[in-house]
């Protein structure tokens, strides 16, 4: 637990629990709202085929997940951790110019 706290730059054990909860809530929420969003955008397997539908769904869920992660991090008082986490991920994806 100490190595994780040191790596993440947090001080208390309760922060680790909150961070894990935020990851769980964000993943569940992104998955839950995925199908209604695709329906709203009229994206179905009939119109895009199975492979196209799943590629669009995965990309859409990835984007929604990133926004929800920062939002839920803010709601649970861990905005700084999740914003830094998000910036690190965007840099790894080659989108450095959008965060610096």
PDB file of N, CA and C in Angstrom:
ATOM      1  N   UNK A   1       0.821  -1.182   0.000  1.00  0.00           N
ATOM      2  CA  UNK A   1       0.000   0.000   0.000  1.00  0.00           C
ATOM      3  C   UNK A   1       0.874   1.258   0.000  1.00  0.00           C
ATOM      4  N   UNK A   2       1.972   1.210   0.709  1.00  0.00           N
ATOM      5  CA  UNK A   2       2.862   2.376   0.787  1.00  0.00           C
ATOM      6  C   UNK A   2       3.475   2.711  -0.563  1.00  0.00           C
ATOM      7  N   UNK A   3       3.851   1.682  -1.338  1.00  0.00           N
ATOM      8  CA  UNK A   3       4.420   1.922  -2.664  1.00  0.00           C
ATOM      9  C   UNK A   3       3.403   2.581  -3.583  1.00  0.00           C
ATOM     10  N   UNK A   4       2.159   2.144  -3.479  1.00  0.00           N
ATOM     11  CA  UNK A   4       1.096   2.726  -4.294  1.00  0.00           C
ATOM     12  C   UNK A   4       0.858   4.182  -3.909  1.00  0.00           C
ATOM     13  N   UNK A   5       0.817   4.449  -2.624  1.00  0.00           N
ATOM     14  CA  UNK A   5       0.625   5.819  -2.156  1.00  0.00           C
ATOM     15  C   UNK A   5       1.779   6.720  -2.606  1.00  0.00           C
ATOM     16  N   UNK A   6       2.985   6.192  -2.551  1.00  0.00           N
ATOM     17  CA  UNK A   6       4.151   6.966  -2.979  1.00  0.00           C
ATOM     18  C   UNK A   6       4.119   7.215  -4.485  1.00  0.00           C
ATOM     19  N   UNK A   7       3.792   6.193  -5.242  1.00  0.00           N
ATOM     20  CA  UNK A   7       3.745   6.312  -6.706  1.00  0.00           C
ATOM     21  C   UNK A   7       2.678   7.306  -7.145  1.00  0.00           C
ATOM     22  N   UNK A   8       1.534   7.284  -6.491  1.00  0.00           N
ATOM     23  CA  UNK A   8       0.426   8.164  -6.855  1.00  0.00           C
ATOM     24  C   UNK A   8       0.522   9.531  -6.210  1.00  0.00           C
ATOM     25  N   UNK A   9       1.433   9.690  -5.266  1.00  0.00           N
ATOM     26  CA  UNK A   9       1.596  10.977  -4.616  1.00  0.00           C
ATOM     27  C   UNK A   9       0.456  11.339  -3.686  1.00  0.00           C
ATOM     28  N   UNK A  10      -0.062  10.355  -2.979  1.00  0.00           N
ATOM     29  CA  UNK A  10      -1.140  10.597  -2.017  1.00  0.00           C
ATOM     30  C   UNK A  10      -0.637  10.266  -0.617  1.00  0.00           C
ATOM     31  N   UNK A  11      -1.355  10.765   0.379  1.00  0.00           N
ATOM     32  CA  UNK A  11      -0.850  10.655   1.746  1.00  0.00           C
ATOM     33  C   UNK A  11      -1.609   9.668   2.624  1.00  0.00           C
ATOM     34  N   UNK A  12      -2.886   9.460   2.371  1.00  0.00           N
ATOM     35  CA  UNK A  12      -3.715   8.679   3.283  1.00  0.00           C
ATOM     36  C   UNK A  12      -4.290   7.434   2.612  1.00  0.00           C
ATOM     37  N   UNK A  13      -4.519   6.408   3.412  1.00  0.00           N
ATOM     38  CA  UNK A  13      -5.103   5.165   2.894  1.00  0.00           C
ATOM     39  C   UNK A  13      -6.518   5.382   2.370  1.00  0.00           C
ATOM     40  N   UNK A  14      -7.266   6.280   2.997  1.00  0.00           N
ATOM     41  CA  UNK A  14      -8.636   6.509   2.549  1.00  0.00           C
ATOM     42  C   UNK A  14      -8.662   7.076   1.134  1.00  0.00           C
ATOM     43  N   UNK A  15      -7.599   7.784   0.724  1.00  0.00           N
ATOM     44  CA  UNK A  15      -7.534   8.306  -0.634  1.00  0.00           C
ATOM     45  C   UNK A  15      -7.434   7.176  -1.652  1.00  0.00           C
ATOM     46  N   UNK A  16      -6.714   6.119  -1.304  1.00  0.00           N
ATOM     47  CA  UNK A  16      -6.600   4.959  -2.196  1.00  0.00           C
ATOM     48  C   UNK A  16      -7.982   4.335  -2.399  1.00  0.00           C
ATOM     49  N   UNK A  17      -8.739   4.197  -1.325  1.00  0.00           N
ATOM     50  CA  UNK A  17     -10.089   3.630  -1.405  1.00  0.00           C
ATOM     51  C   UNK A  17     -10.981   4.511  -2.279  1.00  0.00           C
ATOM     52  N   UNK A  18     -10.912   5.815  -2.076  1.00  0.00           N
ATOM     53  CA  UNK A  18     -11.725   6.741  -2.872  1.00  0.00           C
ATOM     54  C   UNK A  18     -11.338   6.657  -4.343  1.00  0.00           C
ATOM     55  N   UNK A  19     -10.060   6.583  -4.635  1.00  0.00           N
ATOM     56  CA  UNK A  19      -9.595   6.503  -6.023  1.00  0.00           C
ATOM     57  C   UNK A  19     -10.091   5.220  -6.683  1.00  0.00           C
ATOM     58  N   UNK A  20     -10.008   4.099  -5.991  1.00  0.00           N
ATOM     59  CA  UNK A  20     -10.532   2.843  -6.537  1.00  0.00           C
ATOM     60  C   UNK A  20     -12.038   2.929  -6.772  1.00  0.00           C
ATOM     61  N   UNK A  21     -12.751   3.554  -5.851  1.00  0.00           N
ATOM     62  CA  UNK A  21     -14.202   3.727  -6.014  1.00  0.00           C
ATOM     63  C   UNK A  21     -14.517   4.594  -7.228  1.00  0.00           C
ATOM     64  N   UNK A  22     -13.750   5.654  -7.433  1.00  0.00           N
ATOM     65  CA  UNK A  22     -13.963   6.520  -8.595  1.00  0.00           C
ATOM     66  C   UNK A  22     -13.733   5.750  -9.887  1.00  0.00           C
ATOM     67  N   UNK A  23     -12.680   4.947  -9.949  1.00  0.00           N
ATOM     68  CA  UNK A  23     -12.443   4.131 -11.142  1.00  0.00           C
ATOM     69  C   UNK A  23     -13.616   3.176 -11.390  1.00  0.00           C
ATOM     70  N   UNK A  24     -14.115   2.546 -10.340  1.00  0.00           N
ATOM     71  CA  UNK A  24     -15.226   1.602 -10.485  1.00  0.00           C
ATOM     72  C   UNK A  24     -16.503   2.304 -10.931  1.00  0.00           C
ATOM     73  N   UNK A  25     -16.831   3.415 -10.307  1.00  0.00           N
ATOM     74  CA  UNK A  25     -18.045   4.149 -10.651  1.00  0.00           C
ATOM     75  C   UNK A  25     -17.963   4.692 -12.069  1.00  0.00           C
ATOM     76  N   UNK A  26     -16.808   5.194 -12.445  1.00  0.00           N
ATOM     77  CA  UNK A  26     -16.636   5.749 -13.783  1.00  0.00           C
ATOM     78  C   UNK A  26     -16.797   4.669 -14.850  1.00  0.00           C
ATOM     79  N   UNK A  27     -16.169   3.531 -14.649  1.00  0.00           N
ATOM     80  CA  UNK A  27     -16.290   2.440 -15.622  1.00  0.00           C
ATOM     81  C   UNK A  27     -17.710   1.952 -15.752  1.00  0.00           C
ATOM     82  N   UNK A  28     -18.383   1.780 -14.634  1.00  0.00           N
ATOM     83  CA  UNK A  28     -19.768   1.321 -14.664  1.00  0.00           C
ATOM     84  C   UNK A  28     -20.679   2.340 -15.340  1.00  0.00           C
ATOM     85  N   UNK A  29     -20.479   3.606 -15.021  1.00  0.00           N
ATOM     86  CA  UNK A  29     -21.318   4.655 -15.607  1.00  0.00           C
ATOM     87  C   UNK A  29     -21.089   4.773 -17.103  1.00  0.00           C
ATOM     88  N   UNK A  30     -19.847   4.755 -17.541  1.00  0.00           N
ATOM     89  CA  UNK A  30     -19.543   4.852 -18.969  1.00  0.00           C
ATOM     90  C   UNK A  30     -20.162   3.684 -19.725  1.00  0.00           C
ATOM     91  N   UNK A  31     -20.067   2.501 -19.166  1.00  0.00           N
ATOM     92  CA  UNK A  31     -20.657   1.325 -19.805  1.00  0.00           C
ATOM     93  C   UNK A  31     -22.175   1.415 -19.841  1.00  0.00           C
ATOM     94  N   UNK A  32     -22.753   1.897 -18.758  1.00  0.00           N
ATOM     95  CA  UNK A  32     -24.211   1.988 -18.649  1.00  0.00           C
ATOM     96  C   UNK A  32     -24.800   2.990 -19.640  1.00  0.00           C
ATOM     97  N   UNK A  33     -24.140   4.121 -19.831  1.00  0.00           N
ATOM     98  CA  UNK A  33     -24.700   5.140 -20.718  1.00  0.00           C
ATOM     99  C   UNK A  33     -24.300   4.943 -22.181  1.00  0.00           C
ATOM    100  N   UNK A  34     -23.450   3.985 -22.460  1.00  0.00           N
ATOM    101  CA  UNK A  34     -22.982   3.765 -23.820  1.00  0.00           C
ATOM    102  C   UNK A  34     -24.084   3.430 -24.805  1.00  0.00           C
ATOM    103  N   UNK A  35     -24.924   2.488 -24.456  1.00  0.00           N
ATOM    104  CA  UNK A  35     -25.974   2.060 -25.381  1.00  0.00           C
ATOM    105  C   UNK A  35     -27.001   3.160 -25.657  1.00  0.00           C
ATOM    106  N   UNK A  36     -27.489   3.874 -24.629  1.00  0.00           N
ATOM    107  CA  UNK A  36     -28.424   4.971 -24.926  1.00  0.00           C
ATOM    108  C   UNK A  36     -27.808   6.084 -25.784  1.00  0.00           C
ATOM    109  N   UNK A  37     -26.532   6.377 -25.571  1.00  0.00           N
ATOM    110  CA  UNK A  37     -25.879   7.412 -26.373  1.00  0.00           C
ATOM    111  C   UNK A  37     -25.793   6.966 -27.827  1.00  0.00           C
ATOM    112  N   UNK A  38     -25.427   5.713 -28.042  1.00  0.00           N
ATOM    113  CA  UNK A  38     -25.369   5.194 -29.409  1.00  0.00           C
ATOM    114  C   UNK A  38     -26.751   5.187 -30.051  1.00  0.00           C
ATOM    115  N   UNK A  39     -27.764   4.851 -29.289  1.00  0.00           N
ATOM    116  CA  UNK A  39     -29.134   4.886 -29.819  1.00  0.00           C
ATOM    117  C   UNK A  39     -29.536   6.306 -30.177  1.00  0.00           C
ATOM    118  N   UNK A  40     -29.175   7.256 -29.331  1.00  0.00           N
ATOM    119  CA  UNK A  40     -29.474   8.661 -29.583  1.00  0.00           C
ATOM    120  C   UNK A  40     -28.811   9.136 -30.875  1.00  0.00           C
ATOM    121  N   UNK A  41     -27.598   8.670 -31.115  1.00  0.00           N
ATOM    122  CA  UNK A  41     -26.865   9.030 -32.327  1.00  0.00           C
ATOM    123  C   UNK A  41     -27.241   8.156 -33.518  1.00  0.00           C
ATOM    124  N   UNK A  42     -28.180   7.230 -33.311  1.00  0.00           N
ATOM    125  CA  UNK A  42     -28.660   6.315 -34.340  1.00  0.00           C
ATOM    126  C   UNK A  42     -27.532   5.448 -34.909  1.00  0.00           C
ATOM    127  N   UNK A  43     -26.701   4.950 -34.028  1.00  0.00           N
ATOM    128  CA  UNK A  43     -25.606   4.057 -34.417  1.00  0.00           C
ATOM    129  C   UNK A  43     -26.004   2.648 -33.992  1.00  0.00           C
ATOM    130  N   UNK A  44     -26.248   1.800 -34.974  1.00  0.00           N
ATOM    131  CA  UNK A  44     -26.676   0.433 -34.710  1.00  0.00           C
ATOM    132  C   UNK A  44     -25.834  -0.545 -35.522  1.00  0.00           C
ATOM    133  N   UNK A  45     -25.973  -1.825 -35.195  1.00  0.00           N
ATOM    134  CA  UNK A  45     -25.254  -2.845 -35.967  1.00  0.00           C
ATOM    135  C   UNK A  45     -25.802  -2.943 -37.386  1.00  0.00           C
ATOM    136  N   UNK A  46     -27.074  -2.600 -37.560  1.00  0.00           N
ATOM    137  CA  UNK A  46     -27.661  -2.649 -38.905  1.00  0.00           C
ATOM    138  C   UNK A  46     -27.088  -1.556 -39.813  1.00  0.00           C
ATOM    139  N   UNK A  47     -26.820  -0.387 -39.242  1.00  0.00           N
ATOM    140  CA  UNK A  47     -26.343   0.726 -40.063  1.00  0.00           C
ATOM    141  C   UNK A  47     -24.820   0.722 -40.247  1.00  0.00           C
ATOM    142  N   UNK A  48     -24.079   0.171 -39.307  1.00  0.00           N
ATOM    143  CA  UNK A  48     -22.617   0.198 -39.393  1.00  0.00           C
ATOM    144  C   UNK A  48     -21.978  -1.184 -39.411  1.00  0.00           C
ATOM    145  N   UNK A  49     -22.764  -2.238 -39.275  1.00  0.00           N
ATOM    146  CA  UNK A  49     -22.211  -3.581 -39.194  1.00  0.00           C
ATOM    147  C   UNK A  49     -21.682  -3.840 -37.791  1.00  0.00           C
ATOM    148  N   UNK A  50     -21.463  -5.085 -37.492  1.00  0.00           N
ATOM    149  CA  UNK A  50     -21.021  -5.450 -36.140  1.00  0.00           C
ATOM    150  C   UNK A  50     -19.670  -4.855 -35.783  1.00  0.00           C
ATOM    151  N   UNK A  51     -18.724  -4.961 -36.697  1.00  0.00           N
ATOM    152  CA  UNK A  51     -17.380  -4.461 -36.407  1.00  0.00           C
ATOM    153  C   UNK A  51     -17.389  -2.939 -36.292  1.00  0.00           C
ATOM    154  N   UNK A  52     -18.038  -2.269 -37.207  1.00  0.00           N
ATOM    155  CA  UNK A  52     -18.111  -0.809 -37.156  1.00  0.00           C
ATOM    156  C   UNK A  52     -18.800  -0.324 -35.898  1.00  0.00           C
ATOM    157  N   UNK A  53     -19.886  -0.990 -35.514  1.00  0.00           N
ATOM    158  CA  UNK A  53     -20.622  -0.621 -34.304  1.00  0.00           C
ATOM    159  C   UNK A  53     -19.727  -0.720 -33.074  1.00  0.00           C
ATOM    160  N   UNK A  54     -18.993  -1.827 -32.946  1.00  0.00           N
ATOM    161  CA  UNK A  54     -18.158  -2.023 -31.762  1.00  0.00           C
ATOM    162  C   UNK A  54     -16.951  -1.095 -31.750  1.00  0.00           C
ATOM    163  N   UNK A  55     -16.399  -0.802 -32.910  1.00  0.00           N
ATOM    164  CA  UNK A  55     -15.287   0.157 -32.962  1.00  0.00           C
ATOM    165  C   UNK A  55     -15.779   1.534 -32.514  1.00  0.00           C
ATOM    166  N   UNK A  56     -16.923   1.966 -33.045  1.00  0.00           N
ATOM    167  CA  UNK A  56     -17.489   3.263 -32.658  1.00  0.00           C
ATOM    168  C   UNK A  56     -17.834   3.264 -31.171  1.00  0.00           C
ATOM    169  N   UNK A  57     -18.417   2.173 -30.682  1.00  0.00           N
ATOM    170  CA  UNK A  57     -18.795   2.106 -29.256  1.00  0.00           C
ATOM    171  C   UNK A  57     -17.572   2.189 -28.345  1.00  0.00           C
ATOM    172  N   UNK A  58     -16.519   1.471 -28.676  1.00  0.00           N
ATOM    173  CA  UNK A  58     -15.309   1.483 -27.853  1.00  0.00           C
ATOM    174  C   UNK A  58     -14.671   2.876 -27.862  1.00  0.00           C
ATOM    175  N   UNK A  59     -14.581   3.499 -29.026  1.00  0.00           N
ATOM    176  CA  UNK A  59     -13.998   4.846 -29.107  1.00  0.00           C
ATOM    177  C   UNK A  59     -14.854   5.838 -28.327  1.00  0.00           C
ATOM    178  N   UNK A  60     -16.168   5.760 -28.500  1.00  0.00           N
ATOM    179  CA  UNK A  60     -17.074   6.658 -27.783  1.00  0.00           C
ATOM    180  C   UNK A  60     -16.979   6.461 -26.273  1.00  0.00           C
ATOM    181  N   UNK A  61     -16.958   5.199 -25.829  1.00  0.00           N
ATOM    182  CA  UNK A  61     -16.851   4.922 -24.401  1.00  0.00           C
ATOM    183  C   UNK A  61     -15.520   5.394 -23.840  1.00  0.00           C
ATOM    184  N   UNK A  62     -14.466   5.285 -24.612  1.00  0.00           N
ATOM    185  CA  UNK A  62     -13.167   5.755 -24.158  1.00  0.00           C
ATOM    186  C   UNK A  62     -13.194   7.264 -23.925  1.00  0.00           C
ATOM    187  N   UNK A  63     -13.790   7.995 -24.855  1.00  0.00           N
ATOM    188  CA  UNK A  63     -13.873   9.451 -24.728  1.00  0.00           C
ATOM    189  C   UNK A  63     -14.763   9.844 -23.554  1.00  0.00           C
ATOM    190  N   UNK A  64     -15.928   9.214 -23.443  1.00  0.00           N
ATOM    191  CA  UNK A  64     -16.845   9.503 -22.337  1.00  0.00           C
ATOM    192  C   UNK A  64     -16.183   9.165 -21.006  1.00  0.00           C
ATOM    193  N   UNK A  65     -15.463   8.068 -20.960  1.00  0.00           N
ATOM    194  CA  UNK A  65     -14.777   7.642 -19.740  1.00  0.00           C
ATOM    195  C   UNK A  65     -13.798   8.707 -19.251  1.00  0.00           C
ATOM    196  N   UNK A  66     -13.066   9.316 -20.176  1.00  0.00           N
ATOM    197  CA  UNK A  66     -12.070  10.318 -19.788  1.00  0.00           C
ATOM    198  C   UNK A  66     -12.738  11.518 -19.107  1.00  0.00           C
ATOM    199  N   UNK A  67     -13.851  11.976 -19.668  1.00  0.00           N
ATOM    200  CA  UNK A  67     -14.567  13.100 -19.051  1.00  0.00           C
ATOM    201  C   UNK A  67     -15.175  12.708 -17.714  1.00  0.00           C
ATOM    202  N   UNK A  68     -15.771  11.527 -17.662  1.00  0.00           N
ATOM    203  CA  UNK A  68     -16.387  11.081 -16.413  1.00  0.00           C
ATOM    204  C   UNK A  68     -15.362  10.871 -15.311  1.00  0.00           C
ATOM    205  N   UNK A  69     -14.178  10.420 -15.674  1.00  0.00           N
ATOM    206  CA  UNK A  69     -13.134  10.179 -14.687  1.00  0.00           C
ATOM    207  C   UNK A  69     -12.765  11.471 -13.955  1.00  0.00           C
ATOM    208  N   UNK A  70     -12.583  12.528 -14.705  1.00  0.00           N
ATOM    209  CA  UNK A  70     -12.262  13.812 -14.083  1.00  0.00           C
ATOM    210  C   UNK A  70     -13.466  14.336 -13.300  1.00  0.00           C
ATOM    211  N   UNK A  71     -14.667  14.174 -13.854  1.00  0.00           N
ATOM    212  CA  UNK A  71     -15.872  14.641 -13.166  1.00  0.00           C
ATOM    213  C   UNK A  71     -16.067  13.929 -11.828  1.00  0.00           C
ATOM    214  N   UNK A  72     -16.027  12.597 -11.830  1.00  0.00           N
ATOM    215  CA  UNK A  72     -16.212  11.857 -10.582  1.00  0.00           C
ATOM    216  C   UNK A  72     -15.046  12.083  -9.619  1.00  0.00           C
ATOM    217  N   UNK A  73     -13.855  12.295 -10.146  1.00  0.00           N
ATOM    218  CA  UNK A  73     -12.729  12.653  -9.293  1.00  0.00           C
ATOM    219  C   UNK A  73     -12.996  13.955  -8.563  1.00  0.00           C
ATOM    220  N   UNK A  74     -13.588  14.911  -9.275  1.00  0.00           N
ATOM    221  CA  UNK A  74     -13.945  16.183  -8.660  1.00  0.00           C
ATOM    222  C   UNK A  74     -15.040  15.990  -7.607  1.00  0.00           C
ATOM    223  N   UNK A  75     -16.068  15.192  -7.938  1.00  0.00           N
ATOM    224  CA  UNK A  75     -17.172  14.951  -7.012  1.00  0.00           C
ATOM    225  C   UNK A  75     -16.660  14.333  -5.712  1.00  0.00           C
ATOM    226  N   UNK A  76     -15.707  13.430  -5.806  1.00  0.00           N
ATOM    227  CA  UNK A  76     -15.187  12.733  -4.630  1.00  0.00           C
ATOM    228  C   UNK A  76     -13.959  13.415  -4.012  1.00  0.00           C
ATOM    229  N   UNK A  77     -13.654  14.628  -4.457  1.00  0.00           N
ATOM    230  CA  UNK A  77     -12.583  15.396  -3.843  1.00  0.00           C
ATOM    231  C   UNK A  77     -11.178  14.994  -4.239  1.00  0.00           C
ATOM    232  N   UNK A  78     -11.041  14.301  -5.348  1.00  0.00           N
ATOM    233  CA  UNK A  78      -9.720  13.863  -5.810  1.00  0.00           C
ATOM    234  C   UNK A  78      -9.421  14.412  -7.195  1.00  0.00           C
ATOM    235  N   UNK A  79      -9.883  15.634  -7.460  1.00  0.00           N
ATOM    236  CA  UNK A  79      -9.721  16.245  -8.782  1.00  0.00           C
ATOM    237  C   UNK A  79      -8.252  16.324  -9.195  1.00  0.00           C
ATOM    238  N   UNK A  80      -7.403  16.771  -8.289  1.00  0.00           N
ATOM    239  CA  UNK A  80      -5.993  16.947  -8.614  1.00  0.00           C
ATOM    240  C   UNK A  80      -5.364  15.634  -9.088  1.00  0.00           C
ATOM    241  N   UNK A  81      -5.642  14.550  -8.371  1.00  0.00           N
ATOM    242  CA  UNK A  81      -5.087  13.255  -8.761  1.00  0.00           C
ATOM    243  C   UNK A  81      -5.571  12.854 -10.143  1.00  0.00           C
ATOM    244  N   UNK A  82      -6.879  12.965 -10.392  1.00  0.00           N
ATOM    245  CA  UNK A  82      -7.427  12.491 -11.663  1.00  0.00           C
ATOM    246  C   UNK A  82      -7.091  13.419 -12.825  1.00  0.00           C
ATOM    247  N   UNK A  83      -6.946  14.704 -12.574  1.00  0.00           N
ATOM    248  CA  UNK A  83      -6.532  15.603 -13.654  1.00  0.00           C
ATOM    249  C   UNK A  83      -5.089  15.295 -14.049  1.00  0.00           C
ATOM    250  N   UNK A  84      -4.220  15.060 -13.074  1.00  0.00           N
ATOM    251  CA  UNK A  84      -2.847  14.673 -13.392  1.00  0.00           C
ATOM    252  C   UNK A  84      -2.803  13.323 -14.099  1.00  0.00           C
ATOM    253  N   UNK A  85      -3.632  12.394 -13.677  1.00  0.00           N
ATOM    254  CA  UNK A  85      -3.742  11.081 -14.316  1.00  0.00           C
ATOM    255  C   UNK A  85      -4.175  11.245 -15.777  1.00  0.00           C
ATOM    256  N   UNK A  86      -5.149  12.115 -16.003  1.00  0.00           N
ATOM    257  CA  UNK A  86      -5.665  12.358 -17.350  1.00  0.00           C
ATOM    258  C   UNK A  86      -4.601  13.001 -18.238  1.00  0.00           C
ATOM    259  N   UNK A  87      -3.885  13.983 -17.713  1.00  0.00           N
ATOM    260  CA  UNK A  87      -2.828  14.621 -18.497  1.00  0.00           C
ATOM    261  C   UNK A  87      -1.754  13.618 -18.887  1.00  0.00           C
ATOM    262  N   UNK A  88      -1.399  12.749 -17.966  1.00  0.00           N
ATOM    263  CA  UNK A  88      -0.396  11.723 -18.249  1.00  0.00           C
ATOM    264  C   UNK A  88      -0.875  10.791 -19.366  1.00  0.00           C
ATOM    265  N   UNK A  89      -2.146  10.414 -19.321  1.00  0.00           N
ATOM    266  CA  UNK A  89      -2.695   9.535 -20.351  1.00  0.00           C
ATOM    267  C   UNK A  89      -2.729  10.226 -21.713  1.00  0.00           C
ATOM    268  N   UNK A  90      -3.129  11.489 -21.737  1.00  0.00           N
ATOM    269  CA  UNK A  90      -3.182  12.223 -23.007  1.00  0.00           C
ATOM    270  C   UNK A  90      -1.789  12.387 -23.606  1.00  0.00           C
ATOM    271  N   UNK A  91      -0.800  12.618 -22.761  1.00  0.00           N
ATOM    272  CA  UNK A  91       0.576  12.705 -23.270  1.00  0.00           C
ATOM    273  C   UNK A  91       1.013  11.393 -23.910  1.00  0.00           C
ATOM    274  N   UNK A  92       0.651  10.287 -23.270  1.00  0.00           N
ATOM    275  CA  UNK A  92       1.025   8.969 -23.810  1.00  0.00           C
ATOM    276  C   UNK A  92       0.331   8.686 -25.133  1.00  0.00           C
ATOM    277  N   UNK A  93      -0.840   9.280 -25.335  1.00  0.00           N
ATOM    278  CA  UNK A  93      -1.570   9.095 -26.587  1.00  0.00           C
ATOM    279  C   UNK A  93      -1.105  10.058 -27.678  1.00  0.00           C
ATOM    280  N   UNK A  94      -0.115  10.898 -27.362  1.00  0.00           N
ATOM    281  CA  UNK A  94       0.410  11.838 -28.341  1.00  0.00           C
ATOM    282  C   UNK A  94      -0.362  13.138 -28.420  1.00  0.00           C
ATOM    283  N   UNK A  95      -1.172  13.434 -27.426  1.00  0.00           N
ATOM    284  CA  UNK A  95      -1.969  14.657 -27.423  1.00  0.00           C
ATOM    285  C   UNK A  95      -1.408  15.675 -26.433  1.00  0.00           C
ATOM    286  N   UNK A  96      -0.116  15.723 -26.339  1.00  0.00           N
ATOM    287  CA  UNK A  96       0.584  16.577 -25.382  1.00  0.00           C
ATOM    288  C   UNK A  96       0.216  18.051 -25.544  1.00  0.00           C
ATOM    289  N   UNK A  97       0.019  18.485 -26.768  1.00  0.00           N
ATOM    290  CA  UNK A  97      -0.246  19.912 -27.009  1.00  0.00           C
ATOM    291  C   UNK A  97      -1.565  20.380 -26.420  1.00  0.00           C
ATOM    292  N   UNK A  98      -2.466  19.462 -26.103  1.00  0.00           N
ATOM    293  CA  UNK A  98      -3.757  19.841 -25.530  1.00  0.00           C
ATOM    294  C   UNK A  98      -3.734  20.007 -24.028  1.00  0.00           C
ATOM    295  N   UNK A  99      -2.695  19.532 -23.354  1.00  0.00           N
ATOM    296  CA  UNK A  99      -2.651  19.598 -21.889  1.00  0.00           C
ATOM    297  C   UNK A  99      -1.559  20.527 -21.375  1.00  0.00           C
ATOM    298  N   UNK A 100      -0.630  20.888 -22.191  1.00  0.00           N
ATOM    299  CA  UNK A 100       0.471  21.770 -21.719  1.00  0.00           C
ATOM    300  C   UNK A 100       0.265  23.191 -22.212  1.00  0.00           C
TER     301      UNK A 100
END
